[in-house]
Amino acid sequence: MHYYCCTTLKEHNLKCNLNSDKLDICEGLDAMEFQAPKLKLTLILCLVSVGCAVGQSASNADIEPFVRWLLDDDERLENVRFSEVAEAVSSFKVLPVDTTKAVDSAMLRHLQASLDAMLLELAKPENPVHGVGRVNEISRHIEDFLLSRLNAAEAYECSIPANATGRTQRSGYPDLRLVHTASERVFYIDPKVYKLGSETSSFRTFYFEPKLETNKILDNASHLIVGIAHSGKAEGRWQLDTWKVIDLINFRVRLKAE
């Protein structure tokens, strides 16, 4: 059995000396409604099985009511904070982006500049992104550009996060790990492409399947979703229109069993 999370979120501008109309922080459950992110979770059953392993073993009669409760009412587990889920499965803290701090503000500036550069680079007619046929193939080109651009600055290191075994793992959440080298401050960044105008209906999904060996959350860090809006293809070229950064510190999810 897997557990999925869906959510709504409320956006607020981050208060910093940046182009603030492009920087949003999630703090609630009303306003803009995104059908996703969907988080593919096995968290609850993992916790149940851990409890059974260290304590008295549970019979089928003990487990059956709990499983039926989850399956019968898929909206029971509402308003679960993503930060609590991430901390429960990784043991690392999810930190808020604090734009009153110099390091956080500098990291956001660096990300902003890289996103602006990404839109310009991927708009060039010769860019290979225009050769892909599906929207979900665009993300890899965005990730590759951001990885290179964010890592190019002297004060930063950007990489594909390693998993708990120490192996670099491209798949799974999060996609990028940005480090301010002097302070060792970490941002986890997950770029997602969505259709322009669909923010209130179908924001692109990301999957989070917590497993010990493949877990990629290995730092106390801030978690940021970067949404890149597209308006389809025109004359054979993908139109990437704008971007938005969302802080997941107060992002809330609803657990669903499937």
C-alpha atoms as a PDB file:
ATOM      1  CA  MET A   1       0.000   0.000   0.000  1.00  0.00           C
ATOM      2  CA  HIS A   2       1.244   3.498  -0.782  1.00  0.00           C
ATOM      3  CA  TYR A   3       0.193   6.851   0.591  1.00  0.00           C
ATOM      4  CA  TYR A   4      -0.236   9.945  -1.535  1.00  0.00           C
ATOM      5  CA  CYS A   5      -0.413  13.539  -0.428  1.00  0.00           C
ATOM      6  CA  CYS A   6      -2.339  16.276  -2.136  1.00  0.00           C
ATOM      7  CA  THR A   7      -2.703  19.804  -0.910  1.00  0.00           C
ATOM      8  CA  THR A   8      -3.743  23.396  -1.272  1.00  0.00           C
ATOM      9  CA  LEU A   9      -1.443  26.244  -0.461  1.00  0.00           C
ATOM     10  CA  LYS A  10      -1.474  29.937   0.237  1.00  0.00           C
ATOM     11  CA  GLU A  11       1.225  32.131  -1.252  1.00  0.00           C
ATOM     12  CA  HIS A  12       2.952  35.092   0.356  1.00  0.00           C
ATOM     13  CA  ASN A  13       5.817  37.151  -1.020  1.00  0.00           C
ATOM     14  CA  LEU A  14       9.135  36.649   0.693  1.00  0.00           C
ATOM     15  CA  LYS A  15      10.114  39.970   2.251  1.00  0.00           C
ATOM     16  CA  CYS A  16      13.559  40.662   0.842  1.00  0.00           C
ATOM     17  CA  ASN A  17      15.256  42.987  -1.582  1.00  0.00           C
ATOM     18  CA  LEU A  18      14.523  40.707  -4.517  1.00  0.00           C
ATOM     19  CA  ASN A  19      12.062  40.697  -7.363  1.00  0.00           C
ATOM     20  CA  SER A  20       9.470  39.721  -4.811  1.00  0.00           C
ATOM     21  CA  ASP A  21       6.615  39.071  -7.234  1.00  0.00           C
ATOM     22  CA  LYS A  22       8.485  35.908  -8.229  1.00  0.00           C
ATOM     23  CA  LEU A  23       9.172  34.633  -4.729  1.00  0.00           C
ATOM     24  CA  ASP A  24       6.399  33.046  -2.741  1.00  0.00           C
ATOM     25  CA  ILE A  25       6.152  31.347   0.599  1.00  0.00           C
ATOM     26  CA  CYS A  26       3.409  28.873   1.468  1.00  0.00           C
ATOM     27  CA  GLU A  27       1.675  29.440   4.772  1.00  0.00           C
ATOM     28  CA  GLY A  28      -1.820  28.071   4.587  1.00  0.00           C
ATOM     29  CA  LEU A  29      -4.510  25.949   3.074  1.00  0.00           C
ATOM     30  CA  ASP A  30      -6.641  28.473   1.235  1.00  0.00           C
ATOM     31  CA  ALA A  31      -6.047  30.762  -1.775  1.00  0.00           C
ATOM     32  CA  MET A  32      -4.278  28.976  -4.651  1.00  0.00           C
ATOM     33  CA  GLU A  33      -5.158  25.298  -4.895  1.00  0.00           C
ATOM     34  CA  PHE A  34      -2.705  22.889  -6.488  1.00  0.00           C
ATOM     35  CA  GLN A  35      -3.748  19.293  -7.053  1.00  0.00           C
ATOM     36  CA  ALA A  36      -0.149  18.390  -6.445  1.00  0.00           C
ATOM     37  CA  PRO A  37       2.586  17.954  -5.346  1.00  0.00           C
ATOM     38  CA  LYS A  38       1.743  14.319  -4.819  1.00  0.00           C
ATOM     39  CA  LEU A  39       4.056  12.717  -2.351  1.00  0.00           C
ATOM     40  CA  LYS A  40       4.319   8.984  -2.773  1.00  0.00           C
ATOM     41  CA  LEU A  41       4.509   7.875   0.832  1.00  0.00           C
ATOM     42  CA  THR A  42       4.947   4.650   2.720  1.00  0.00           C
ATOM     43  CA  LEU A  43       5.514   6.581   5.915  1.00  0.00           C
ATOM     44  CA  ILE A  44       2.573   5.394   7.999  1.00  0.00           C
ATOM     45  CA  LEU A  45       3.014   1.705   7.347  1.00  0.00           C
ATOM     46  CA  CYS A  46       6.731   2.074   7.986  1.00  0.00           C
ATOM     47  CA  LEU A  47       6.029   3.612  11.378  1.00  0.00           C
ATOM     48  CA  VAL A  48       3.484   0.920  12.160  1.00  0.00           C
ATOM     49  CA  SER A  49       5.899  -1.857  11.311  1.00  0.00           C
ATOM     50  CA  VAL A  50       8.665  -0.248  13.365  1.00  0.00           C
ATOM     51  CA  GLY A  51       6.335  -0.088  16.321  1.00  0.00           C
ATOM     52  CA  CYS A  52       5.470  -3.728  15.901  1.00  0.00           C
ATOM     53  CA  ALA A  53       9.110  -4.716  15.643  1.00  0.00           C
ATOM     54  CA  VAL A  54      10.182  -3.150  18.917  1.00  0.00           C
ATOM     55  CA  GLY A  55       7.045  -3.886  20.877  1.00  0.00           C
ATOM     56  CA  GLN A  56       4.428  -6.531  21.154  1.00  0.00           C
ATOM     57  CA  SER A  57       3.546  -8.041  17.774  1.00  0.00           C
ATOM     58  CA  ALA A  58       0.164  -7.034  16.446  1.00  0.00           C
ATOM     59  CA  SER A  59      -2.430  -9.453  15.182  1.00  0.00           C
ATOM     60  CA  ASN A  60      -4.458  -9.057  11.995  1.00  0.00           C
ATOM     61  CA  ALA A  61      -7.395  -8.103  14.182  1.00  0.00           C
ATOM     62  CA  ASP A  62      -5.367  -5.203  15.601  1.00  0.00           C
ATOM     63  CA  ILE A  63      -4.203  -3.925  12.224  1.00  0.00           C
ATOM     64  CA  GLU A  64      -7.394  -4.413  10.189  1.00  0.00           C
ATOM     65  CA  PRO A  65      -9.433  -1.536  11.722  1.00  0.00           C
ATOM     66  CA  PHE A  66      -6.561   0.880  11.164  1.00  0.00           C
ATOM     67  CA  VAL A  67      -6.126  -0.122   7.522  1.00  0.00           C
ATOM     68  CA  ARG A  68      -9.879   0.056   6.881  1.00  0.00           C
ATOM     69  CA  TRP A  69      -9.979   3.505   8.483  1.00  0.00           C
ATOM     70  CA  LEU A  70      -7.311   4.730   6.072  1.00  0.00           C
ATOM     71  CA  LEU A  71      -8.936   3.174   3.028  1.00  0.00           C
ATOM     72  CA  ASP A  72     -12.515   4.150   3.834  1.00  0.00           C
ATOM     73  CA  ASP A  73     -11.835   7.839   4.477  1.00  0.00           C
ATOM     74  CA  ASP A  74      -9.097   9.247   2.310  1.00  0.00           C
ATOM     75  CA  GLU A  75      -9.457  12.713   3.781  1.00  0.00           C
ATOM     76  CA  ARG A  76      -8.996  11.832   7.445  1.00  0.00           C
ATOM     77  CA  LEU A  77      -5.305  12.692   7.568  1.00  0.00           C
ATOM     78  CA  GLU A  78      -5.508  16.316   6.549  1.00  0.00           C
ATOM     79  CA  ASN A  79      -3.345  19.360   7.205  1.00  0.00           C
ATOM     80  CA  VAL A  80      -0.153  17.379   7.719  1.00  0.00           C
ATOM     81  CA  ARG A  81       2.847  19.661   7.355  1.00  0.00           C
ATOM     82  CA  PHE A  82       5.362  18.552   4.739  1.00  0.00           C
ATOM     83  CA  SER A  83       8.123  19.549   7.153  1.00  0.00           C
ATOM     84  CA  GLU A  84       6.832  17.041   9.708  1.00  0.00           C
ATOM     85  CA  VAL A  85       6.713  14.274   7.101  1.00  0.00           C
ATOM     86  CA  ALA A  86      10.234  15.049   5.886  1.00  0.00           C
ATOM     87  CA  GLU A  87      11.629  15.236   9.410  1.00  0.00           C
ATOM     88  CA  ALA A  88       9.927  11.998  10.423  1.00  0.00           C
ATOM     89  CA  VAL A  89      11.427  10.004   7.564  1.00  0.00           C
ATOM     90  CA  SER A  90      14.867  11.648   7.475  1.00  0.00           C
ATOM     91  CA  SER A  91      15.575  12.848  11.055  1.00  0.00           C
ATOM     92  CA  PHE A  92      16.754  16.173   9.616  1.00  0.00           C
ATOM     93  CA  LYS A  93      15.056  19.511  10.231  1.00  0.00           C
ATOM     94  CA  VAL A  94      13.201  21.478   7.579  1.00  0.00           C
ATOM     95  CA  LEU A  95      14.265  25.100   8.031  1.00  0.00           C
ATOM     96  CA  PRO A  96      12.393  28.237   6.987  1.00  0.00           C
ATOM     97  CA  VAL A  97      13.935  30.620   4.501  1.00  0.00           C
ATOM     98  CA  ASP A  98      14.733  33.728   6.554  1.00  0.00           C
ATOM     99  CA  THR A  99      15.278  36.626   4.207  1.00  0.00           C
ATOM    100  CA  THR A 100      16.378  38.883   7.077  1.00  0.00           C
ATOM    101  CA  LYS A 101      19.562  36.807   7.238  1.00  0.00           C
ATOM    102  CA  ALA A 102      22.340  37.700   4.833  1.00  0.00           C
ATOM    103  CA  VAL A 103      23.124  34.127   3.803  1.00  0.00           C
ATOM    104  CA  ASP A 104      19.515  33.177   3.033  1.00  0.00           C
ATOM    105  CA  SER A 105      18.984  36.396   1.091  1.00  0.00           C
ATOM    106  CA  ALA A 106      22.201  35.848  -0.879  1.00  0.00           C
ATOM    107  CA  MET A 107      21.231  32.279  -1.723  1.00  0.00           C
ATOM    108  CA  LEU A 108      17.831  33.431  -2.984  1.00  0.00           C
ATOM    109  CA  ARG A 109      19.508  36.101  -5.096  1.00  0.00           C
ATOM    110  CA  HIS A 110      21.789  33.485  -6.593  1.00  0.00           C
ATOM    111  CA  LEU A 111      18.825  31.217  -7.339  1.00  0.00           C
ATOM    112  CA  GLN A 112      16.855  34.120  -8.827  1.00  0.00           C
ATOM    113  CA  ALA A 113      19.698  35.110 -11.125  1.00  0.00           C
ATOM    114  CA  SER A 114      20.146  31.498 -12.229  1.00  0.00           C
ATOM    115  CA  LEU A 115      16.443  31.150 -13.017  1.00  0.00           C
ATOM    116  CA  ASP A 116      16.469  34.345 -15.070  1.00  0.00           C
ATOM    117  CA  ALA A 117      19.508  33.038 -16.951  1.00  0.00           C
ATOM    118  CA  MET A 118      17.774  29.695 -17.479  1.00  0.00           C
ATOM    119  CA  LEU A 119      14.789  31.331 -19.186  1.00  0.00           C
ATOM    120  CA  LEU A 120      17.104  33.245 -21.523  1.00  0.00           C
ATOM    121  CA  GLU A 121      19.253  30.208 -22.353  1.00  0.00           C
ATOM    122  CA  LEU A 122      16.373  27.815 -22.981  1.00  0.00           C
ATOM    123  CA  ALA A 123      14.661  30.418 -25.189  1.00  0.00           C
ATOM    124  CA  LYS A 124      17.494  30.265 -27.744  1.00  0.00           C
ATOM    125  CA  PRO A 125      16.386  28.528 -30.960  1.00  0.00           C
ATOM    126  CA  GLU A 126      19.427  26.246 -30.942  1.00  0.00           C
ATOM    127  CA  ASN A 127      18.886  24.992 -27.392  1.00  0.00           C
ATOM    128  CA  PRO A 128      18.304  21.201 -27.386  1.00  0.00           C
ATOM    129  CA  VAL A 129      15.273  21.568 -25.113  1.00  0.00           C
ATOM    130  CA  HIS A 130      13.207  22.359 -28.223  1.00  0.00           C
ATOM    131  CA  GLY A 131      13.907  18.894 -29.570  1.00  0.00           C
ATOM    132  CA  VAL A 132      12.007  17.110 -26.813  1.00  0.00           C
ATOM    133  CA  GLY A 133       8.434  16.131 -27.474  1.00  0.00           C
ATOM    134  CA  ARG A 134       6.919  15.967 -24.006  1.00  0.00           C
ATOM    135  CA  VAL A 135       6.591  18.519 -21.239  1.00  0.00           C
ATOM    136  CA  ASN A 136       8.029  16.205 -18.601  1.00  0.00           C
ATOM    137  CA  GLU A 137      11.247  15.961 -20.632  1.00  0.00           C
ATOM    138  CA  ILE A 138      11.850  19.696 -20.219  1.00  0.00           C
ATOM    139  CA  SER A 139      12.641  19.306 -16.523  1.00  0.00           C
ATOM    140  CA  ARG A 140      15.935  17.503 -17.155  1.00  0.00           C
ATOM    141  CA  HIS A 141      17.194  20.397 -19.289  1.00  0.00           C
ATOM    142  CA  ILE A 142      16.195  22.865 -16.580  1.00  0.00           C
ATOM    143  CA  GLU A 143      17.885  20.796 -13.874  1.00  0.00           C
ATOM    144  CA  ASP A 144      21.082  20.455 -15.907  1.00  0.00           C
ATOM    145  CA  PHE A 145      21.284  24.193 -16.561  1.00  0.00           C
ATOM    146  CA  LEU A 146      20.582  25.118 -12.945  1.00  0.00           C
ATOM    147  CA  LEU A 147      23.075  22.547 -11.702  1.00  0.00           C
ATOM    148  CA  SER A 148      25.829  24.095 -13.818  1.00  0.00           C
ATOM    149  CA  ARG A 149      24.841  27.725 -13.240  1.00  0.00           C
ATOM    150  CA  LEU A 150      24.346  27.462  -9.481  1.00  0.00           C
ATOM    151  CA  ASN A 151      27.627  25.587  -9.097  1.00  0.00           C
ATOM    152  CA  ALA A 152      29.620  28.106 -11.153  1.00  0.00           C
ATOM    153  CA  ALA A 153      29.690  30.815  -8.479  1.00  0.00           C
ATOM    154  CA  GLU A 154      32.700  30.723  -6.201  1.00  0.00           C
ATOM    155  CA  ALA A 155      30.751  30.902  -2.948  1.00  0.00           C
ATOM    156  CA  TYR A 156      28.443  27.972  -3.750  1.00  0.00           C
ATOM    157  CA  GLU A 157      28.363  24.290  -4.512  1.00  0.00           C
ATOM    158  CA  CYS A 158      25.436  22.689  -6.291  1.00  0.00           C
ATOM    159  CA  SER A 159      25.100  18.969  -6.853  1.00  0.00           C
ATOM    160  CA  ILE A 160      22.726  16.079  -7.397  1.00  0.00           C
ATOM    161  CA  PRO A 161      22.030  14.899  -3.839  1.00  0.00           C
ATOM    162  CA  ALA A 162      23.551  11.619  -2.763  1.00  0.00           C
ATOM    163  CA  ASN A 163      21.331   9.097  -1.038  1.00  0.00           C
ATOM    164  CA  ALA A 164      21.907   7.520   2.366  1.00  0.00           C
ATOM    165  CA  THR A 165      24.312   4.954   0.879  1.00  0.00           C
ATOM    166  CA  GLY A 166      26.516   7.752  -0.461  1.00  0.00           C
ATOM    167  CA  ARG A 167      25.620   7.113  -4.103  1.00  0.00           C
ATOM    168  CA  THR A 168      24.565  10.014  -6.319  1.00  0.00           C
ATOM    169  CA  GLN A 169      20.936   9.469  -7.230  1.00  0.00           C
ATOM    170  CA  ARG A 170      19.265  11.449  -9.986  1.00  0.00           C
ATOM    171  CA  SER A 171      15.740  10.179  -9.420  1.00  0.00           C
ATOM    172  CA  GLY A 172      13.547  11.098  -6.478  1.00  0.00           C
ATOM    173  CA  TYR A 173      13.041  14.170  -4.336  1.00  0.00           C
ATOM    174  CA  PRO A 174      14.908  16.497  -4.113  1.00  0.00           C
ATOM    175  CA  ASP A 175      16.597  17.177  -7.464  1.00  0.00           C
ATOM    176  CA  LEU A 176      19.310  19.661  -6.432  1.00  0.00           C
ATOM    177  CA  ARG A 177      21.340  20.472  -3.335  1.00  0.00           C
ATOM    178  CA  LEU A 178      22.670  24.028  -3.129  1.00  0.00           C
ATOM    179  CA  VAL A 179      25.250  24.798  -0.439  1.00  0.00           C
ATOM    180  CA  HIS A 180      26.617  28.163   0.674  1.00  0.00           C
ATOM    181  CA  THR A 181      30.136  26.918   1.314  1.00  0.00           C
ATOM    182  CA  ALA A 182      31.226  29.388   3.985  1.00  0.00           C
ATOM    183  CA  SER A 183      28.203  28.835   6.226  1.00  0.00           C
ATOM    184  CA  GLU A 184      27.289  25.300   5.027  1.00  0.00           C
ATOM    185  CA  ARG A 185      23.678  26.480   4.677  1.00  0.00           C
ATOM    186  CA  VAL A 186      21.704  24.110   2.437  1.00  0.00           C
ATOM    187  CA  PHE A 187      18.766  24.646   0.116  1.00  0.00           C
ATOM    188  CA  TYR A 188      17.083  21.608  -1.453  1.00  0.00           C
ATOM    189  CA  ILE A 189      15.638  22.662  -4.815  1.00  0.00           C
ATOM    190  CA  ASP A 190      13.103  20.759  -6.906  1.00  0.00           C
ATOM    191  CA  PRO A 191      12.222  22.319 -10.300  1.00  0.00           C
ATOM    192  CA  LYS A 192       8.812  21.485 -11.779  1.00  0.00           C
ATOM    193  CA  VAL A 193       7.287  22.521 -15.106  1.00  0.00           C
ATOM    194  CA  TYR A 194       3.594  23.370 -15.314  1.00  0.00           C
ATOM    195  CA  LYS A 195       1.243  24.884 -17.884  1.00  0.00           C
ATOM    196  CA  LEU A 196       0.855  28.630 -17.594  1.00  0.00           C
ATOM    197  CA  GLY A 197      -2.525  29.452 -16.036  1.00  0.00           C
ATOM    198  CA  SER A 198      -3.002  26.040 -14.443  1.00  0.00           C
ATOM    199  CA  GLU A 199      -1.804  27.054 -10.982  1.00  0.00           C
ATOM    200  CA  THR A 200      -5.289  26.684  -9.544  1.00  0.00           C
ATOM    201  CA  SER A 201      -5.948  23.278 -11.058  1.00  0.00           C
ATOM    202  CA  SER A 202      -2.988  21.034 -11.800  1.00  0.00           C
ATOM    203  CA  PHE A 203       0.422  22.035 -10.559  1.00  0.00           C
ATOM    204  CA  ARG A 204       3.031  19.478 -11.609  1.00  0.00           C
ATOM    205  CA  THR A 205       3.635  16.577  -9.282  1.00  0.00           C
ATOM    206  CA  PHE A 206       6.680  15.349  -7.495  1.00  0.00           C
ATOM    207  CA  TYR A 207       7.099  12.027  -5.761  1.00  0.00           C
ATOM    208  CA  PHE A 208       8.576  11.373  -2.377  1.00  0.00           C
ATOM    209  CA  GLU A 209       8.974   7.726  -1.444  1.00  0.00           C
ATOM    210  CA  PRO A 210      10.896   7.554   1.826  1.00  0.00           C
ATOM    211  CA  LYS A 211      13.184   4.565   2.052  1.00  0.00           C
ATOM    212  CA  LEU A 212      16.248   4.290   4.228  1.00  0.00           C
ATOM    213  CA  GLU A 213      18.741   3.518   1.466  1.00  0.00           C
ATOM    214  CA  THR A 214      17.378   5.898  -1.166  1.00  0.00           C
ATOM    215  CA  ASN A 215      16.560   8.807   1.152  1.00  0.00           C
ATOM    216  CA  LYS A 216      18.134  11.997  -0.230  1.00  0.00           C
ATOM    217  CA  ILE A 217      17.237  14.356   2.619  1.00  0.00           C
ATOM    218  CA  LEU A 218      20.506  14.293   4.545  1.00  0.00           C
ATOM    219  CA  ASP A 219      20.815  17.873   5.829  1.00  0.00           C
ATOM    220  CA  ASN A 220      19.038  20.361   8.006  1.00  0.00           C
ATOM    221  CA  ALA A 221      17.874  22.497   5.092  1.00  0.00           C
ATOM    222  CA  SER A 222      15.247  24.666   3.487  1.00  0.00           C
ATOM    223  CA  HIS A 223      13.109  22.966   0.848  1.00  0.00           C
ATOM    224  CA  LEU A 224      12.136  24.957  -2.235  1.00  0.00           C
ATOM    225  CA  ILE A 225       9.929  24.075  -5.176  1.00  0.00           C
ATOM    226  CA  VAL A 226      10.719  26.041  -8.340  1.00  0.00           C
ATOM    227  CA  GLY A 227       7.731  26.175 -10.655  1.00  0.00           C
ATOM    228  CA  ILE A 228       8.498  27.000 -14.300  1.00  0.00           C
ATOM    229  CA  ALA A 229       5.451  27.947 -16.366  1.00  0.00           C
ATOM    230  CA  HIS A 230       5.248  26.999 -20.039  1.00  0.00           C
ATOM    231  CA  SER A 231       2.714  27.960 -22.710  1.00  0.00           C
ATOM    232  CA  GLY A 232       3.358  25.103 -25.088  1.00  0.00           C
ATOM    233  CA  LYS A 233       5.287  25.054 -28.343  1.00  0.00           C
ATOM    234  CA  ALA A 234       5.279  27.801 -30.962  1.00  0.00           C
ATOM    235  CA  GLU A 235       7.063  27.298 -34.263  1.00  0.00           C
ATOM    236  CA  GLY A 236       8.777  24.245 -32.844  1.00  0.00           C
ATOM    237  CA  ARG A 237      10.100  25.977 -29.724  1.00  0.00           C
ATOM    238  CA  TRP A 238       8.985  25.486 -26.137  1.00  0.00           C
ATOM    239  CA  GLN A 239       7.790  28.719 -24.555  1.00  0.00           C
ATOM    240  CA  LEU A 240       9.018  28.953 -20.954  1.00  0.00           C
ATOM    241  CA  ASP A 241       7.373  32.074 -19.599  1.00  0.00           C
ATOM    242  CA  THR A 242       8.146  32.659 -15.960  1.00  0.00           C
ATOM    243  CA  TRP A 243       9.208  31.033 -12.718  1.00  0.00           C
ATOM    244  CA  LYS A 244       8.087  30.986  -9.114  1.00  0.00           C
ATOM    245  CA  VAL A 245       9.918  29.882  -5.953  1.00  0.00           C
ATOM    246  CA  ILE A 246       7.872  28.320  -3.149  1.00  0.00           C
ATOM    247  CA  ASP A 247       9.176  27.653   0.351  1.00  0.00           C
ATOM    248  CA  LEU A 248       7.745  24.373   1.713  1.00  0.00           C
ATOM    249  CA  ILE A 249       8.197  25.219   5.411  1.00  0.00           C
ATOM    250  CA  ASN A 250       4.447  25.522   6.065  1.00  0.00           C
ATOM    251  CA  PHE A 251       3.307  23.495   3.088  1.00  0.00           C
ATOM    252  CA  ARG A 252       0.442  21.225   4.146  1.00  0.00           C
ATOM    253  CA  VAL A 253      -0.556  17.903   2.653  1.00  0.00           C
ATOM    254  CA  ARG A 254      -3.355  15.395   2.891  1.00  0.00           C
ATOM    255  CA  LEU A 255      -2.412  11.745   3.143  1.00  0.00           C
ATOM    256  CA  LYS A 256      -4.340   9.327   0.932  1.00  0.00           C
ATOM    257  CA  ALA A 257      -4.061   5.557   0.866  1.00  0.00           C
ATOM    258  CA  GLU A 258      -4.104   3.753  -2.458  1.00  0.00           C
END
